[in-house]
Amino acid sequence: MPSLPQDAIEGFVAPNSTMVTDEHHAYNKVGKKYNHKKINHRNKEYVRKEDIIVHTNSIEGYWNILRKQIDGIHHSVSPKHLQRYCNESAFRYNNRKTLQDERFANALANCNGSLKYKELIGK
């Protein structure tokens, strides 16, 4: 991740949230607007207990799931459609404990119009 624009973070993270990240320099400015906790993997730090348990295990586990989904199910994805695959994966992950009928209702509720084949393939 070469850079992480502050606008992108603000679009997805609620004010006054606690953000837990690794030590990557792209997150250096996060602490100015959020309660920022860093895990320093370079110093072999993986978890610590403060007022909360601070770790990046959850997101690292999710990245593993996403990689396996892309490699194992889709085999590869184009950069053009990567966000669509990420959205599907995030929906599956966020609804993994939801009952099947409720998950289906959530999926239908999130449908926004139709996608024409020509738009999909870009012709």
Foldseek 3Di string as FASTA:
>chain_A
DQADDPVNCPVPDDFAEEDEEEPDPNCVCVVVGYNYHYAYVVVVGAWDDDVHIGHCVVVVVLVVVLVCCQCPPVVHDDPVCVVVSVVVSVLCVVCVVPDPVVSVVVVVVPDDDDDDPCNVVVD
